[in-house]
Amino acid sequence: MVENHRQYKNDGARKAMISIFNLLGNTHPLTKQYQQELMMILY
């Protein structure tokens, strides 16, 4: 969703992922894995 429809719901998918990363914390394994994937998609 983030990659193909970035403007859907005012970038809602990306914002939701960032909120989840914040809840889990920077050291959580899922945050580390998916934060890196998100950055590769966006940039």
N, C-alpha and C. Protein backbone atom coordinates (compact mmCIF):
# COMPACT_ATOMS: atom_id res chain seq x y z
N MET A 1 0.82 -1.19 0.00
CA MET A 1 0.00 0.00 0.00
C MET A 1 0.87 1.25 0.00
N VAL A 2 1.90 1.23 0.79
CA VAL A 2 2.78 2.41 0.88
C VAL A 2 3.43 2.69 -0.46
N GLU A 3 3.89 1.64 -1.12
CA GLU A 3 4.63 1.81 -2.36
C GLU A 3 3.72 2.19 -3.53
N ASN A 4 2.57 1.56 -3.65
CA ASN A 4 1.73 1.75 -4.83
C ASN A 4 0.70 2.87 -4.71
N HIS A 5 0.29 3.20 -3.51
CA HIS A 5 -0.79 4.18 -3.31
C HIS A 5 -0.42 5.15 -2.20
N ARG A 6 0.67 5.82 -2.37
CA ARG A 6 1.21 6.66 -1.30
C ARG A 6 0.25 7.76 -0.86
N GLN A 7 -0.52 8.32 -1.76
CA GLN A 7 -1.41 9.43 -1.40
C GLN A 7 -2.77 8.97 -0.87
N TYR A 8 -3.03 7.66 -0.85
CA TYR A 8 -4.30 7.16 -0.33
C TYR A 8 -4.46 7.54 1.13
N LYS A 9 -5.59 8.14 1.44
CA LYS A 9 -5.89 8.58 2.82
C LYS A 9 -4.79 9.47 3.39
N ASN A 10 -4.27 10.36 2.54
CA ASN A 10 -3.27 11.33 2.97
C ASN A 10 -2.03 10.66 3.57
N ASP A 11 -1.51 9.65 2.85
CA ASP A 11 -0.30 8.93 3.27
C ASP A 11 -0.52 8.13 4.56
N GLY A 12 -1.75 7.64 4.72
CA GLY A 12 -2.14 6.95 5.95
C GLY A 12 -1.36 5.68 6.25
N ALA A 13 -1.02 4.89 5.23
CA ALA A 13 -0.30 3.64 5.47
C ALA A 13 1.08 3.91 6.06
N ARG A 14 1.77 4.89 5.52
CA ARG A 14 3.11 5.23 6.04
C ARG A 14 3.00 5.76 7.47
N LYS A 15 2.03 6.61 7.69
CA LYS A 15 1.85 7.18 9.03
C LYS A 15 1.49 6.09 10.04
N ALA A 16 0.68 5.13 9.64
CA ALA A 16 0.32 4.03 10.54
C ALA A 16 1.54 3.19 10.87
N MET A 17 2.37 2.92 9.87
CA MET A 17 3.58 2.13 10.13
C MET A 17 4.51 2.86 11.10
N ILE A 18 4.67 4.14 10.92
CA ILE A 18 5.53 4.92 11.82
C ILE A 18 4.97 4.91 13.24
N SER A 19 3.66 4.99 13.37
CA SER A 19 3.05 4.92 14.70
C SER A 19 3.31 3.58 15.37
N ILE A 20 3.22 2.51 14.60
CA ILE A 20 3.50 1.17 15.14
C ILE A 20 4.96 1.07 15.55
N PHE A 21 5.86 1.59 14.72
CA PHE A 21 7.28 1.58 15.08
C PHE A 21 7.50 2.31 16.40
N ASN A 22 6.84 3.43 16.58
CA ASN A 22 6.98 4.20 17.82
C ASN A 22 6.47 3.43 19.02
N LEU A 23 5.36 2.71 18.85
CA LEU A 23 4.82 1.91 19.95
C LEU A 23 5.75 0.75 20.33
N LEU A 24 6.32 0.10 19.32
CA LEU A 24 7.20 -1.04 19.57
C LEU A 24 8.55 -0.61 20.13
N GLY A 25 9.00 0.55 19.72
CA GLY A 25 10.32 1.04 20.13
C GLY A 25 11.37 0.72 19.09
N ASN A 26 12.45 1.47 19.11
CA ASN A 26 13.50 1.35 18.09
C ASN A 26 14.28 0.05 18.16
N THR A 27 14.28 -0.62 19.30
CA THR A 27 15.08 -1.83 19.43
C THR A 27 14.31 -3.11 19.14
N HIS A 28 13.01 -3.01 18.91
CA HIS A 28 12.19 -4.19 18.62
C HIS A 28 12.60 -4.76 17.26
N PRO A 29 12.74 -6.09 17.14
CA PRO A 29 13.15 -6.70 15.87
C PRO A 29 12.25 -6.35 14.69
N LEU A 30 10.95 -6.30 14.91
CA LEU A 30 10.04 -5.95 13.80
C LEU A 30 10.24 -4.51 13.35
N THR A 31 10.49 -3.62 14.29
CA THR A 31 10.75 -2.23 13.94
C THR A 31 12.00 -2.15 13.07
N LYS A 32 13.05 -2.82 13.49
CA LYS A 32 14.30 -2.78 12.73
C LYS A 32 14.11 -3.31 11.32
N GLN A 33 13.41 -4.43 11.18
CA GLN A 33 13.22 -5.04 9.87
C GLN A 33 12.35 -4.18 8.96
N TYR A 34 11.18 -3.80 9.44
CA TYR A 34 10.24 -3.12 8.56
C TYR A 34 10.53 -1.64 8.38
N GLN A 35 11.20 -1.03 9.32
CA GLN A 35 11.59 0.36 9.15
C GLN A 35 12.59 0.47 8.01
N GLN A 36 13.50 -0.48 7.94
CA GLN A 36 14.48 -0.49 6.85
C GLN A 36 13.77 -0.71 5.51
N GLU A 37 12.82 -1.63 5.47
CA GLU A 37 12.08 -1.88 4.23
C GLU A 37 11.28 -0.65 3.81
N LEU A 38 10.67 0.02 4.77
CA LEU A 38 9.91 1.23 4.46
C LEU A 38 10.82 2.30 3.87
N MET A 39 11.97 2.48 4.43
CA MET A 39 12.91 3.49 3.92
C MET A 39 13.35 3.15 2.50
N MET A 40 13.57 1.87 2.21
CA MET A 40 13.97 1.47 0.86
C MET A 40 12.86 1.76 -0.15
N ILE A 41 11.61 1.58 0.25
CA ILE A 41 10.48 1.85 -0.64
C ILE A 41 10.33 3.34 -0.89
N LEU A 42 10.47 4.13 0.16
CA LEU A 42 10.21 5.57 0.05
C LEU A 42 11.35 6.33 -0.61
N TYR A 43 12.56 5.87 -0.43
CA TYR A 43 13.70 6.62 -0.94
C TYR A 43 14.48 5.76 -1.81
